[in-house]
N, C-alpha and C. Protein backbone atom coordinates (compact mmCIF):
# COMPACT_ATOMS: atom_id res chain seq x y z
N UNK A 1 32.32 -12.32 34.20
CA UNK A 1 31.73 -11.09 35.01
C UNK A 1 32.80 -9.98 34.82
N UNK A 2 32.24 -8.54 34.58
CA UNK A 2 33.41 -7.71 34.17
C UNK A 2 33.20 -6.84 35.78
N UNK A 3 34.84 -6.21 36.07
CA UNK A 3 35.20 -5.54 36.77
C UNK A 3 34.20 -4.74 38.09
N UNK A 4 33.31 -4.14 37.11
CA UNK A 4 32.15 -3.05 37.49
C UNK A 4 31.07 -3.90 37.59
N UNK A 5 30.50 -5.09 37.22
CA UNK A 5 30.01 -5.53 38.12
C UNK A 5 30.11 -6.51 39.00
N UNK A 6 31.17 -6.88 39.24
CA UNK A 6 32.51 -7.22 40.53
C UNK A 6 31.99 -6.06 41.59
N UNK A 7 32.41 -5.13 41.46
CA UNK A 7 32.79 -4.28 42.44
C UNK A 7 30.81 -3.98 43.00
N UNK A 8 29.96 -4.08 42.18
CA UNK A 8 28.87 -3.65 42.58
C UNK A 8 28.26 -5.02 43.66
N UNK A 9 28.96 -5.86 43.71
CA UNK A 9 28.39 -7.21 43.86
C UNK A 9 28.91 -7.27 45.18
N UNK A 10 30.56 -6.98 45.56
CA UNK A 10 30.99 -6.90 46.52
C UNK A 10 30.30 -6.07 47.68
N UNK A 11 29.76 -4.36 47.08
CA UNK A 11 29.26 -3.24 47.83
C UNK A 11 28.08 -3.75 48.17
N UNK A 12 27.34 -4.75 47.67
CA UNK A 12 26.13 -5.39 48.05
C UNK A 12 25.93 -6.12 49.39
N UNK A 13 27.13 -6.82 48.95
CA UNK A 13 27.29 -8.05 49.93
C UNK A 13 27.97 -7.59 51.01
N UNK A 14 28.91 -6.26 51.13
CA UNK A 14 29.26 -5.56 52.32
C UNK A 14 27.96 -4.86 53.09
N UNK A 15 26.92 -4.16 52.35
CA UNK A 15 25.88 -3.73 52.71
C UNK A 15 24.99 -4.52 53.72
N UNK A 16 24.63 -5.69 53.09
CA UNK A 16 23.79 -6.47 53.48
C UNK A 16 24.83 -7.22 54.92
N UNK A 17 25.75 -7.05 54.78
CA UNK A 17 26.75 -8.04 56.03
C UNK A 17 26.96 -6.82 57.37
N UNK A 18 27.20 -5.61 56.40
CA UNK A 18 26.69 -4.39 57.73
C UNK A 18 25.11 -4.61 58.75
N UNK A 19 24.11 -4.73 57.87
CA UNK A 19 22.92 -4.70 58.20
C UNK A 19 23.02 -6.06 59.16
N UNK A 20 23.04 -6.81 58.54
CA UNK A 20 22.89 -8.34 59.65
C UNK A 20 23.66 -7.97 60.90
N UNK A 21 25.07 -7.14 60.50
CA UNK A 21 25.92 -7.42 61.91
C UNK A 21 24.97 -6.42 62.74
N UNK A 22 24.35 -5.21 62.40
CA UNK A 22 23.82 -4.10 63.35
C UNK A 22 22.91 -4.79 64.10
N UNK A 23 21.58 -5.84 63.35
CA UNK A 23 20.66 -6.65 64.19
C UNK A 23 21.34 -7.46 65.39
N UNK A 24 21.91 -8.04 65.53
CA UNK A 24 22.61 -9.28 65.79
C UNK A 24 23.20 -8.49 67.18
N UNK A 25 23.11 -9.12 68.28
CA UNK A 25 23.62 -8.92 69.21
C UNK A 25 25.29 -8.70 69.79
N UNK A 26 26.64 -8.77 70.55
CA UNK A 26 27.51 -9.61 70.53
C UNK A 26 27.57 -10.78 70.79
N UNK A 27 27.31 -11.06 71.67
CA UNK A 27 26.64 -13.02 71.75
C UNK A 27 26.53 -13.83 70.42
N UNK A 28 25.67 -12.86 70.02
CA UNK A 28 25.04 -13.92 68.50
C UNK A 28 26.40 -13.51 67.28
N UNK A 29 26.87 -12.82 67.43
CA UNK A 29 27.80 -12.32 66.88
C UNK A 29 29.15 -13.73 66.67
N UNK A 30 29.40 -13.63 68.31
CA UNK A 30 30.26 -14.88 68.06
C UNK A 30 29.75 -15.64 67.62
N UNK A 31 28.26 -16.00 68.13
CA UNK A 31 28.08 -18.00 68.09
C UNK A 31 27.80 -17.93 66.51
N UNK A 32 27.78 -17.09 65.81
CA UNK A 32 27.48 -17.40 64.36
C UNK A 32 28.96 -17.30 63.27
N UNK A 33 29.71 -16.37 64.57
CA UNK A 33 31.26 -16.91 63.94
C UNK A 33 32.24 -18.28 63.95
N UNK A 34 31.91 -18.79 65.47
CA UNK A 34 31.95 -19.96 65.80
C UNK A 34 31.63 -21.00 65.18
N UNK A 35 30.19 -20.47 64.42
CA UNK A 35 29.50 -21.99 64.11
C UNK A 35 30.15 -21.77 62.11
N UNK A 36 30.44 -20.77 61.61
CA UNK A 36 30.65 -20.79 60.29
C UNK A 36 32.39 -21.58 60.49
N UNK A 37 33.19 -21.38 61.65
CA UNK A 37 34.47 -21.66 61.67
C UNK A 37 34.22 -23.44 61.61
N UNK A 38 33.21 -23.78 62.52
CA UNK A 38 33.37 -25.66 62.69
C UNK A 38 32.78 -25.69 61.60
N UNK A 39 31.95 -25.15 60.63
CA UNK A 39 30.94 -26.06 59.78
C UNK A 39 31.99 -25.89 58.88
N UNK A 40 33.10 -24.86 58.40
CA UNK A 40 34.09 -24.30 57.42
C UNK A 40 35.38 -26.06 57.66
N UNK A 41 35.27 -26.18 59.10
CA UNK A 41 36.74 -27.48 59.33
C UNK A 41 36.12 -28.43 59.04
N UNK A 42 34.70 -29.14 59.83
CA UNK A 42 34.08 -30.22 59.56
C UNK A 42 33.80 -30.53 57.84
N UNK A 43 33.77 -29.61 57.26
CA UNK A 43 33.20 -29.80 55.87
C UNK A 43 34.51 -30.48 54.78
N UNK A 44 34.13 -31.43 54.06
CA UNK A 44 34.71 -32.09 53.06
C UNK A 44 34.82 -31.15 51.79
N UNK A 45 36.35 -30.76 50.94
CA UNK A 45 36.27 -30.33 50.03
C UNK A 45 34.89 -30.13 49.12
N UNK A 46 34.50 -31.33 48.64
CA UNK A 46 33.08 -31.77 47.73
C UNK A 46 31.94 -30.63 48.79
N UNK A 47 31.79 -30.82 49.93
CA UNK A 47 30.67 -30.47 50.48
C UNK A 47 30.88 -28.49 50.50
N UNK A 48 31.99 -28.45 50.85
CA UNK A 48 32.15 -26.74 50.44
C UNK A 48 31.86 -26.30 49.11
N UNK A 49 32.47 -26.97 48.59
CA UNK A 49 31.78 -26.75 46.76
C UNK A 49 30.38 -26.75 46.67
N UNK A 50 30.06 -27.64 46.95
CA UNK A 50 28.50 -27.75 46.63
C UNK A 50 27.99 -26.41 47.34
N UNK A 51 28.00 -26.04 48.70
CA UNK A 51 27.59 -25.33 49.31
C UNK A 51 27.50 -23.52 48.89
N UNK A 52 28.89 -23.85 48.10
CA UNK A 52 29.37 -22.11 47.75
C UNK A 52 28.63 -22.15 46.27
N UNK A 53 28.22 -22.82 45.86
CA UNK A 53 27.62 -23.26 44.37
C UNK A 53 26.01 -22.93 44.68
N UNK A 54 25.54 -23.60 45.80
CA UNK A 54 24.24 -23.31 46.06
C UNK A 54 23.93 -21.51 46.26
N UNK A 55 24.78 -21.29 47.12
CA UNK A 55 24.93 -19.85 47.91
C UNK A 55 25.17 -19.01 46.45
N UNK A 56 25.79 -19.46 45.63
CA UNK A 56 26.23 -18.39 44.40
C UNK A 56 24.67 -18.43 43.62
N UNK A 57 23.72 -19.66 43.84
CA UNK A 57 22.76 -20.28 42.67
C UNK A 57 21.53 -18.97 43.78
N UNK A 58 21.30 -19.23 44.81
CA UNK A 58 20.47 -18.64 45.67
C UNK A 58 20.82 -16.87 45.67
N UNK A 59 21.61 -16.19 45.07
CA UNK A 59 22.38 -14.64 44.92
C UNK A 59 21.49 -14.51 44.16
N UNK A 60 21.78 -15.42 42.76
CA UNK A 60 21.61 -15.03 41.52
C UNK A 60 20.02 -14.95 41.48
N UNK A 61 19.31 -15.80 41.96
CA UNK A 61 17.77 -15.79 41.67
C UNK A 61 17.40 -14.59 42.62
N UNK A 62 17.77 -14.86 43.39
CA UNK A 62 17.23 -13.27 44.18
C UNK A 62 17.73 -11.89 43.67
N UNK A 63 18.82 -12.14 42.67
CA UNK A 63 18.99 -10.50 41.87
C UNK A 63 18.12 -10.61 40.71
N UNK A 64 17.17 -11.63 40.51
CA UNK A 64 16.82 -11.60 39.05
C UNK A 64 15.29 -11.72 39.39
N UNK A 65 15.14 -11.68 40.77
CA UNK A 65 13.70 -11.79 41.37
C UNK A 65 13.30 -12.98 41.02
N UNK A 66 13.67 -14.12 40.94
CA UNK A 66 12.97 -15.17 41.21
C UNK A 66 12.98 -16.23 42.17
N UNK A 67 11.69 -16.66 42.48
CA UNK A 67 11.18 -17.28 43.95
C UNK A 67 12.42 -18.35 43.98
N UNK A 68 12.47 -18.52 45.21
CA UNK A 68 13.31 -19.66 46.00
C UNK A 68 13.20 -21.15 45.34
N UNK A 69 14.47 -21.54 45.05
CA UNK A 69 13.91 -22.99 44.58
C UNK A 69 13.17 -24.16 45.79
N UNK A 70 12.55 -25.43 44.81
CA UNK A 70 12.41 -26.01 46.30
C UNK A 70 14.03 -27.37 46.49
N UNK A 71 13.30 -28.04 47.56
CA UNK A 71 14.54 -28.60 47.90
C UNK A 71 14.64 -29.81 46.71
N UNK A 72 13.94 -30.39 46.03
CA UNK A 72 13.90 -31.38 44.83
C UNK A 72 14.54 -30.11 43.10
N UNK A 73 14.38 -29.26 43.49
CA UNK A 73 14.78 -28.54 42.25
C UNK A 73 16.22 -27.83 42.78
N UNK A 74 16.29 -27.74 43.72
CA UNK A 74 17.70 -27.51 44.61
C UNK A 74 18.97 -29.10 43.80
N UNK A 75 18.35 -30.08 44.34
CA UNK A 75 19.18 -31.41 43.89
C UNK A 75 19.29 -31.46 42.83
N UNK A 76 18.36 -31.04 42.08
CA UNK A 76 18.61 -31.54 40.51
C UNK A 76 19.70 -30.24 40.11
N UNK A 77 19.58 -29.01 40.66
CA UNK A 77 20.56 -28.15 40.07
C UNK A 77 21.77 -28.89 40.38
N UNK A 78 22.04 -29.34 41.56
CA UNK A 78 23.81 -29.89 41.92
C UNK A 78 23.92 -30.79 41.18
N UNK A 79 22.98 -31.46 40.72
CA UNK A 79 23.43 -33.29 40.15
C UNK A 79 23.97 -32.62 38.44
N UNK A 80 22.89 -31.50 38.40
CA UNK A 80 23.36 -31.40 36.50
C UNK A 80 24.81 -30.51 37.01
N UNK A 81 25.11 -29.29 38.00
CA UNK A 81 26.32 -29.11 37.94
C UNK A 81 27.48 -29.97 38.05
N UNK A 82 27.03 -31.17 38.85
CA UNK A 82 28.11 -31.82 39.00
C UNK A 82 28.62 -32.55 38.08
N UNK A 83 27.48 -32.99 37.04
CA UNK A 83 27.72 -33.37 35.73
C UNK A 83 28.58 -32.82 35.41
N UNK A 84 28.68 -31.53 35.24
CA UNK A 84 29.34 -30.58 33.82
C UNK A 84 30.75 -30.48 34.67
N UNK A 85 30.55 -30.66 35.77
CA UNK A 85 32.22 -30.95 36.45
C UNK A 85 32.79 -31.76 36.13
N UNK A 86 32.13 -33.24 36.17
CA UNK A 86 32.98 -34.17 35.46
C UNK A 86 33.25 -34.44 33.99
N UNK A 87 32.27 -33.62 33.43
CA UNK A 87 32.62 -33.35 31.76
C UNK A 87 34.28 -32.58 31.62
N UNK A 88 33.97 -31.08 32.39
CA UNK A 88 35.19 -30.41 32.58
C UNK A 88 36.68 -31.18 32.74
N UNK A 89 35.89 -31.94 33.74
CA UNK A 89 37.29 -32.90 34.22
C UNK A 89 38.29 -33.86 33.03
N UNK A 90 36.96 -34.65 32.59
CA UNK A 90 37.22 -35.76 31.35
C UNK A 90 37.88 -34.43 30.21
N UNK A 91 37.78 -33.38 30.09
CA UNK A 91 38.29 -32.57 29.18
C UNK A 91 40.05 -32.31 29.59
N UNK A 92 39.72 -31.84 30.77
CA UNK A 92 40.98 -31.81 30.74
C UNK A 92 42.04 -32.84 31.27
N UNK A 93 41.44 -34.19 31.43
CA UNK A 93 42.06 -35.20 31.73
C UNK A 93 42.82 -35.45 30.34
N UNK A 94 41.87 -35.58 29.09
CA UNK A 94 42.02 -35.57 27.93
C UNK A 94 43.25 -34.72 27.02
N UNK A 95 42.97 -33.69 27.26
CA UNK A 95 44.55 -32.49 26.91
C UNK A 95 45.70 -32.97 27.53
N UNK A 96 45.61 -33.28 29.09
CA UNK A 96 46.92 -33.67 29.28
C UNK A 96 47.43 -35.08 29.70
N UNK A 97 46.84 -36.06 28.66
CA UNK A 97 46.71 -37.06 29.16
C UNK A 97 48.30 -37.62 28.62
N UNK A 98 48.98 -37.34 27.99
CA UNK A 98 50.36 -37.18 27.20
C UNK A 98 51.55 -37.12 28.72
N UNK A 99 50.93 -35.71 29.19
CA UNK A 99 52.02 -35.64 30.46
C UNK A 99 51.74 -36.38 31.63
N UNK A 100 50.29 -37.23 31.49
CA UNK A 100 49.96 -38.04 32.51
C UNK A 100 50.80 -39.08 32.51
N UNK A 101 50.82 -40.12 31.56
CA UNK A 101 51.73 -40.74 30.84
C UNK A 101 52.80 -41.26 31.00
N UNK A 102 53.40 -39.63 30.97
CA UNK A 102 54.66 -40.02 31.87
C UNK A 102 55.08 -39.44 33.06
N UNK A 103 54.20 -39.48 33.94
CA UNK A 103 54.16 -38.60 35.19
C UNK A 103 54.40 -40.48 36.16
N UNK A 104 55.65 -40.59 36.89
CA UNK A 104 55.98 -41.31 37.82
C UNK A 104 54.44 -42.00 39.19
N UNK A 105 54.05 -42.76 38.93
CA UNK A 105 52.78 -42.21 39.65
C UNK A 105 53.50 -43.04 41.81
N UNK A 106 53.14 -42.30 42.41
CA UNK A 106 53.28 -42.82 43.72
C UNK A 106 52.81 -43.24 44.45
N UNK A 107 53.46 -44.62 45.24
CA UNK A 107 52.44 -45.48 45.65
C UNK A 107 52.04 -44.98 47.24
N UNK A 108 52.21 -43.82 47.71
CA UNK A 108 51.98 -43.46 48.89
C UNK A 108 50.68 -42.42 48.80
N UNK A 109 50.10 -42.42 47.60
CA UNK A 109 48.82 -41.66 47.60
C UNK A 109 48.32 -42.12 48.38
N UNK A 110 47.07 -40.97 48.77
CA UNK A 110 46.10 -41.37 49.31
C UNK A 110 46.12 -41.29 51.20
N UNK A 111 45.45 -41.97 51.72
CA UNK A 111 45.61 -42.25 53.40
C UNK A 111 44.86 -43.56 53.66
N UNK A 112 45.89 -43.92 54.78
CA UNK A 112 45.73 -45.56 55.38
C UNK A 112 44.59 -45.35 56.45
N UNK A 113 43.88 -43.93 56.83
CA UNK A 113 43.06 -43.80 57.64
C UNK A 113 42.29 -42.50 57.43
N UNK A 114 41.58 -43.07 56.26
CA UNK A 114 40.44 -41.72 56.06
C UNK A 114 39.51 -41.38 56.87
N UNK A 115 38.95 -39.97 56.93
CA UNK A 115 37.92 -39.43 58.09
C UNK A 115 36.44 -39.79 56.94
N UNK A 116 35.42 -39.43 58.10
CA UNK A 116 33.90 -39.93 57.46
C UNK A 116 33.22 -38.31 57.97
N UNK A 117 32.45 -38.46 57.19
CA UNK A 117 31.45 -37.17 57.15
C UNK A 117 30.50 -37.20 56.89
N UNK A 118 29.51 -36.95 57.34
CA UNK A 118 27.64 -37.26 57.47
C UNK A 118 27.07 -35.65 56.55
N UNK A 119 26.55 -36.47 55.28
CA UNK A 119 25.82 -35.38 54.26
C UNK A 119 24.38 -36.18 54.79
N UNK A 120 23.81 -34.85 54.58
CA UNK A 120 21.98 -34.77 54.21
C UNK A 120 21.27 -34.58 52.78
N UNK A 121 20.85 -35.86 52.39
CA UNK A 121 20.10 -34.86 50.72
C UNK A 121 18.38 -35.72 50.72
N UNK A 122 18.00 -35.00 49.91
CA UNK A 122 16.49 -35.27 49.22
C UNK A 122 17.10 -36.48 48.70
N UNK A 123 15.97 -37.44 48.79
CA UNK A 123 15.58 -38.49 47.79
C UNK A 123 14.04 -38.59 47.66
N UNK A 124 13.80 -39.04 46.43
CA UNK A 124 12.35 -39.34 45.87
C UNK A 124 12.08 -41.01 46.33
N UNK A 125 10.73 -40.87 46.59
CA UNK A 125 10.35 -42.02 47.48
C UNK A 125 9.60 -42.80 45.88
N UNK A 126 10.65 -44.17 45.69
CA UNK A 126 10.21 -44.81 44.66
C UNK A 126 9.50 -46.27 45.20
N UNK A 127 8.66 -46.62 44.34
CA UNK A 127 7.81 -47.88 44.04
C UNK A 127 8.69 -49.07 44.30
N UNK A 128 8.90 -49.90 45.10
CA UNK A 128 9.75 -50.99 44.60
C UNK A 128 9.27 -52.41 43.53
N UNK A 129 7.80 -51.91 43.29
CA UNK A 129 7.10 -52.97 42.69
C UNK A 129 7.33 -52.41 41.48
N UNK A 130 7.73 -51.34 40.97
CA UNK A 130 8.09 -50.76 39.56
C UNK A 130 9.40 -51.31 39.29
N UNK A 131 10.55 -51.50 40.21
CA UNK A 131 11.66 -51.54 39.55
C UNK A 131 11.52 -53.00 39.56
N UNK A 132 11.17 -53.77 40.45
CA UNK A 132 10.73 -55.52 40.10
C UNK A 132 10.16 -55.99 38.78
N UNK A 133 9.26 -54.97 38.10
CA UNK A 133 8.12 -55.22 37.13
C UNK A 133 8.95 -54.65 35.83
N UNK A 134 9.69 -53.99 36.57
CA UNK A 134 10.95 -53.41 35.31
C UNK A 134 12.02 -54.38 34.98
N UNK A 135 12.64 -54.97 35.93
CA UNK A 135 13.69 -56.07 35.97
C UNK A 135 12.99 -57.83 35.16
N UNK A 136 11.83 -57.74 35.64
CA UNK A 136 10.89 -59.28 35.06
C UNK A 136 11.01 -58.57 33.68
N UNK A 137 10.43 -57.41 33.10
CA UNK A 137 10.52 -57.53 31.88
C UNK A 137 11.57 -57.29 31.30
N UNK A 138 12.75 -57.01 31.49
CA UNK A 138 13.52 -57.10 30.71
C UNK A 138 14.41 -58.70 30.42
N UNK A 139 14.04 -59.73 31.54
CA UNK A 139 14.60 -60.83 31.42
C UNK A 139 15.96 -61.09 31.28
N UNK A 140 16.66 -60.15 32.14
CA UNK A 140 18.04 -60.36 32.02
C UNK A 140 19.06 -59.81 31.15
N UNK A 141 18.03 -58.78 30.30
CA UNK A 141 18.97 -58.21 29.30
C UNK A 141 19.07 -56.48 29.57
N UNK A 142 19.91 -56.04 29.19
CA UNK A 142 19.57 -54.80 29.05
C UNK A 142 18.66 -53.96 27.96
N UNK A 143 17.82 -52.86 28.55
CA UNK A 143 16.76 -52.79 27.32
C UNK A 143 17.24 -52.11 26.13
N UNK A 144 18.55 -51.43 26.68
CA UNK A 144 18.95 -50.44 25.45
C UNK A 144 19.88 -51.00 24.27
N UNK A 145 20.59 -52.16 25.06
CA UNK A 145 22.01 -52.41 24.45
C UNK A 145 21.21 -53.55 23.96
N UNK A 146 20.66 -54.55 24.49
CA UNK A 146 20.56 -55.77 24.39
C UNK A 146 21.30 -56.83 25.03
N UNK A 147 22.30 -56.41 25.42
CA UNK A 147 23.33 -57.55 26.62
C UNK A 147 23.03 -57.75 27.73
N UNK A 148 23.32 -59.20 28.01
CA UNK A 148 23.03 -59.82 29.09
C UNK A 148 23.49 -58.73 30.48
N UNK A 149 22.92 -59.09 31.90
CA UNK A 149 23.59 -58.63 32.58
C UNK A 149 24.86 -59.34 33.20
N UNK A 150 26.11 -58.91 34.05
CA UNK A 150 26.63 -59.76 34.58
C UNK A 150 25.85 -60.69 35.49
N UNK A 151 26.41 -61.88 35.14
CA UNK A 151 25.75 -62.50 36.71
C UNK A 151 26.45 -62.41 38.44
N UNK A 152 25.34 -62.38 39.26
CA UNK A 152 25.55 -61.86 40.68
C UNK A 152 26.02 -63.43 40.82
N UNK A 153 26.79 -63.32 42.05
CA UNK A 153 26.91 -64.08 42.92
C UNK A 153 25.75 -65.35 43.53
N UNK A 154 24.61 -64.61 43.80
CA UNK A 154 22.71 -65.52 43.42
C UNK A 154 22.71 -66.34 41.84
N UNK A 155 23.63 -65.88 40.88
CA UNK A 155 23.39 -66.24 39.57
C UNK A 155 22.29 -65.93 38.73
N UNK A 156 21.79 -64.22 39.61
CA UNK A 156 20.35 -63.87 38.86
C UNK A 156 21.56 -62.55 37.70
N UNK A 157 20.89 -62.36 36.76
CA UNK A 157 21.99 -61.26 36.01
C UNK A 157 21.56 -59.82 36.67
N UNK A 158 22.72 -59.25 36.59
CA UNK A 158 22.56 -58.04 37.31
C UNK A 158 22.03 -56.97 35.97
N UNK A 159 20.85 -55.96 36.45
CA UNK A 159 20.29 -55.16 35.75
C UNK A 159 20.38 -53.67 36.91
N UNK A 160 20.28 -52.46 36.25
CA UNK A 160 19.70 -50.91 37.30
C UNK A 160 18.71 -50.72 36.45
N UNK A 161 17.64 -50.05 37.02
CA UNK A 161 16.51 -49.86 36.40
C UNK A 161 17.03 -47.84 36.25
N UNK A 162 16.10 -47.43 35.68
CA UNK A 162 16.36 -45.79 35.18
C UNK A 162 15.00 -45.34 34.67
N UNK A 163 14.97 -43.98 35.55
CA UNK A 163 13.84 -43.16 35.06
C UNK A 163 14.59 -42.60 33.62
N UNK A 164 13.82 -42.68 32.56
CA UNK A 164 13.80 -42.18 31.58
C UNK A 164 13.94 -40.38 31.66
N UNK A 165 12.86 -40.08 32.10
CA UNK A 165 12.43 -38.66 32.67
C UNK A 165 12.79 -38.55 34.02
N UNK A 166 13.60 -37.43 34.44
CA UNK A 166 14.28 -37.56 35.95
C UNK A 166 12.84 -37.38 37.04
N UNK A 167 12.65 -38.36 37.67
CA UNK A 167 11.62 -37.59 38.86
C UNK A 167 11.71 -36.07 39.09
N UNK A 168 13.33 -35.48 39.40
CA UNK A 168 13.28 -34.18 39.75
C UNK A 168 13.00 -33.22 38.33
N UNK A 169 12.75 -33.90 37.34
CA UNK A 169 11.90 -33.31 36.16
C UNK A 169 10.48 -33.87 36.15
N UNK A 170 9.78 -34.14 37.09
CA UNK A 170 8.55 -34.45 36.95
C UNK A 170 8.31 -35.70 36.36
N UNK A 171 9.30 -36.36 36.08
CA UNK A 171 9.10 -37.73 35.58
C UNK A 171 7.95 -38.95 36.13
N UNK A 172 7.50 -39.33 35.88
CA UNK A 172 6.73 -40.45 37.00
C UNK A 172 7.38 -41.46 37.33
N UNK A 173 6.87 -42.56 38.51
CA UNK A 173 7.44 -43.66 38.99
C UNK A 173 6.59 -44.43 38.47
N UNK A 174 6.42 -45.09 37.07
CA UNK A 174 5.82 -45.48 36.40
C UNK A 174 6.40 -46.71 35.75
N UNK A 175 5.94 -47.58 35.46
CA UNK A 175 6.36 -48.75 34.40
C UNK A 175 6.93 -47.78 33.25
N UNK A 176 5.85 -46.98 32.71
CA UNK A 176 5.98 -46.84 31.27
C UNK A 176 7.14 -45.37 31.00
N UNK A 177 7.98 -45.19 32.59
CA UNK A 177 9.34 -44.36 32.45
C UNK A 177 9.94 -44.72 33.14
N UNK A 178 10.14 -46.18 33.45
CA UNK A 178 11.06 -46.96 33.77
C UNK A 178 11.88 -48.04 32.45
N UNK A 179 13.14 -48.21 32.71
CA UNK A 179 14.16 -48.96 31.75
C UNK A 179 15.08 -49.90 32.45
N UNK A 180 15.32 -51.12 32.04
CA UNK A 180 16.13 -51.76 32.75
C UNK A 180 17.80 -51.68 31.78
N UNK A 181 18.48 -51.35 32.63
CA UNK A 181 20.06 -51.03 31.70
C UNK A 181 20.69 -51.81 32.32
N UNK A 182 21.92 -52.04 31.66
CA UNK A 182 23.17 -52.85 32.26
C UNK A 182 23.82 -51.48 33.17
N UNK A 183 24.87 -51.71 33.86
CA UNK A 183 25.84 -50.54 34.36
C UNK A 183 25.78 -49.73 33.51
N UNK A 184 27.21 -50.23 32.37
CA UNK A 184 27.59 -49.12 31.73
C UNK A 184 26.66 -48.43 31.08
N UNK A 185 25.34 -48.79 30.64
CA UNK A 185 24.75 -47.61 29.63
C UNK A 185 24.06 -46.93 30.53
N UNK A 186 23.63 -46.95 31.85
CA UNK A 186 23.38 -46.39 33.40
C UNK A 186 24.42 -44.84 33.34
N UNK A 187 25.37 -45.63 33.50
CA UNK A 187 26.12 -44.55 33.81
C UNK A 187 26.43 -43.79 33.23
N UNK A 188 26.26 -44.15 31.39
CA UNK A 188 26.54 -42.97 30.18
C UNK A 188 25.12 -42.36 30.11
N UNK A 189 24.21 -43.07 30.69
CA UNK A 189 22.74 -42.03 30.43
C UNK A 189 22.65 -40.89 31.59
N UNK A 190 23.81 -40.81 32.71
CA UNK A 190 23.74 -40.10 33.55
C UNK A 190 24.88 -38.80 33.34
N UNK A 191 25.94 -39.43 32.67
CA UNK A 191 27.05 -38.44 32.89
C UNK A 191 27.61 -38.54 31.35
N UNK A 192 27.26 -39.79 30.58
CA UNK A 192 28.15 -39.55 28.92
C UNK A 192 27.64 -38.47 28.40
N UNK A 193 28.86 -37.65 27.58
CA UNK A 193 28.35 -37.15 26.61
C UNK A 193 27.34 -37.49 25.31
N UNK A 194 27.34 -38.52 25.26
CA UNK A 194 25.85 -38.74 24.40
C UNK A 194 24.65 -38.64 25.57
N UNK A 195 24.50 -38.27 26.60
CA UNK A 195 23.24 -38.82 27.78
C UNK A 195 22.24 -37.96 26.72
N UNK A 196 21.59 -37.06 25.84
CA UNK A 196 20.72 -36.39 25.29
C UNK A 196 20.11 -37.38 24.44
N UNK A 197 21.23 -37.83 23.38
CA UNK A 197 20.91 -39.16 22.46
C UNK A 197 20.49 -40.19 23.58
N UNK A 198 20.92 -40.84 24.06
CA UNK A 198 20.76 -41.68 25.07
C UNK A 198 18.86 -41.95 25.35
N UNK A 199 19.16 -40.67 25.83
CA UNK A 199 17.66 -40.22 26.47
C UNK A 199 16.35 -40.48 25.15
N UNK A 200 16.73 -40.23 24.19
CA UNK A 200 15.84 -40.04 22.75
C UNK A 200 15.58 -41.42 22.73
N UNK A 201 16.52 -42.37 22.47
CA UNK A 201 16.62 -44.02 22.24
C UNK A 201 15.91 -44.38 23.33
N UNK A 202 16.40 -44.14 24.55
CA UNK A 202 15.50 -45.14 25.80
C UNK A 202 14.08 -44.92 25.83
N UNK A 203 13.67 -43.63 25.02
CA UNK A 203 12.10 -42.89 25.25
C UNK A 203 11.64 -44.17 23.80
N UNK A 204 12.34 -44.14 22.80
CA UNK A 204 11.31 -44.79 21.94
C UNK A 204 11.73 -46.68 21.93
N UNK A 205 12.65 -46.68 22.50
CA UNK A 205 12.66 -48.49 23.36
C UNK A 205 11.56 -48.18 24.08
N UNK A 206 11.13 -47.42 24.74
CA UNK A 206 10.10 -47.47 25.73
C UNK A 206 8.77 -47.71 25.12
N UNK A 207 8.81 -47.12 24.10
CA UNK A 207 7.63 -46.57 22.86
C UNK A 207 7.09 -48.47 22.47
N UNK A 208 8.04 -48.90 21.93
CA UNK A 208 8.30 -50.26 21.44
C UNK A 208 7.74 -51.30 22.27
N UNK A 209 8.32 -51.33 23.13
CA UNK A 209 7.91 -51.87 25.11
C UNK A 209 6.46 -52.00 25.17
N UNK A 210 5.81 -50.49 25.35
CA UNK A 210 4.72 -50.44 25.72
C UNK A 210 3.66 -50.34 24.97
N UNK A 211 4.29 -50.41 22.86
CA UNK A 211 3.30 -50.85 22.31
C UNK A 211 2.83 -52.24 22.14
N UNK A 212 4.21 -52.72 22.06
CA UNK A 212 4.19 -54.50 22.13
C UNK A 212 3.50 -55.09 23.30
N UNK A 213 3.71 -54.68 24.66
CA UNK A 213 2.58 -55.07 25.78
C UNK A 213 1.26 -54.86 25.70
N UNK A 214 0.75 -53.28 25.07
CA UNK A 214 -0.88 -53.46 25.15
C UNK A 214 -1.38 -54.42 23.53
N UNK A 215 -0.68 -54.52 22.91
CA UNK A 215 -0.87 -55.62 21.73
C UNK A 215 -1.55 -56.94 22.44
N UNK A 216 -0.48 -57.14 23.51
CA UNK A 216 -1.12 -58.40 24.07
C UNK A 216 -2.46 -59.07 24.29
């Protein structure tokens, strides 16, 4: 964004803030200020970044004349933004790996009494029968790489279920869209550099599985 566009944005924000302040009483102004300060103090760094991202996204959509996002669409945009952040962090880590290897580790890092924060998020209602059916179909083996899941304390192999087309992208919560994966493949499907390739591989695998089941 160039300086001229930034100045236009600042001027529009000042105008919008001025209009809002004119409509508020002194008590409302004070209450709003105190609320903003309390929210800022109680937010974690991650919550603050998430809120600012959504505020910037909402402003950009208003500027472009686009409609408001639904809660599901907002959650999808946040997930996509978080994945991009993870990729950038991994790239920075790789670039500075030599410097990190030479760094002396401080054993006092962290906090022995970590604080707590309450968060709210939208989730999709998933049919537990679909998950059970997918795990039963997999018979303890990852349906992508074929390796068995690690044994749990109960002796059962551990696998995770994954919607190949995300529910946030209008994917169906049906067995034809759910695949059983080992934890490593599941995380890579969400955050890996190859996630688009993996999505195509999973679609092909499910087609083969569904074709085999229909022929029985």
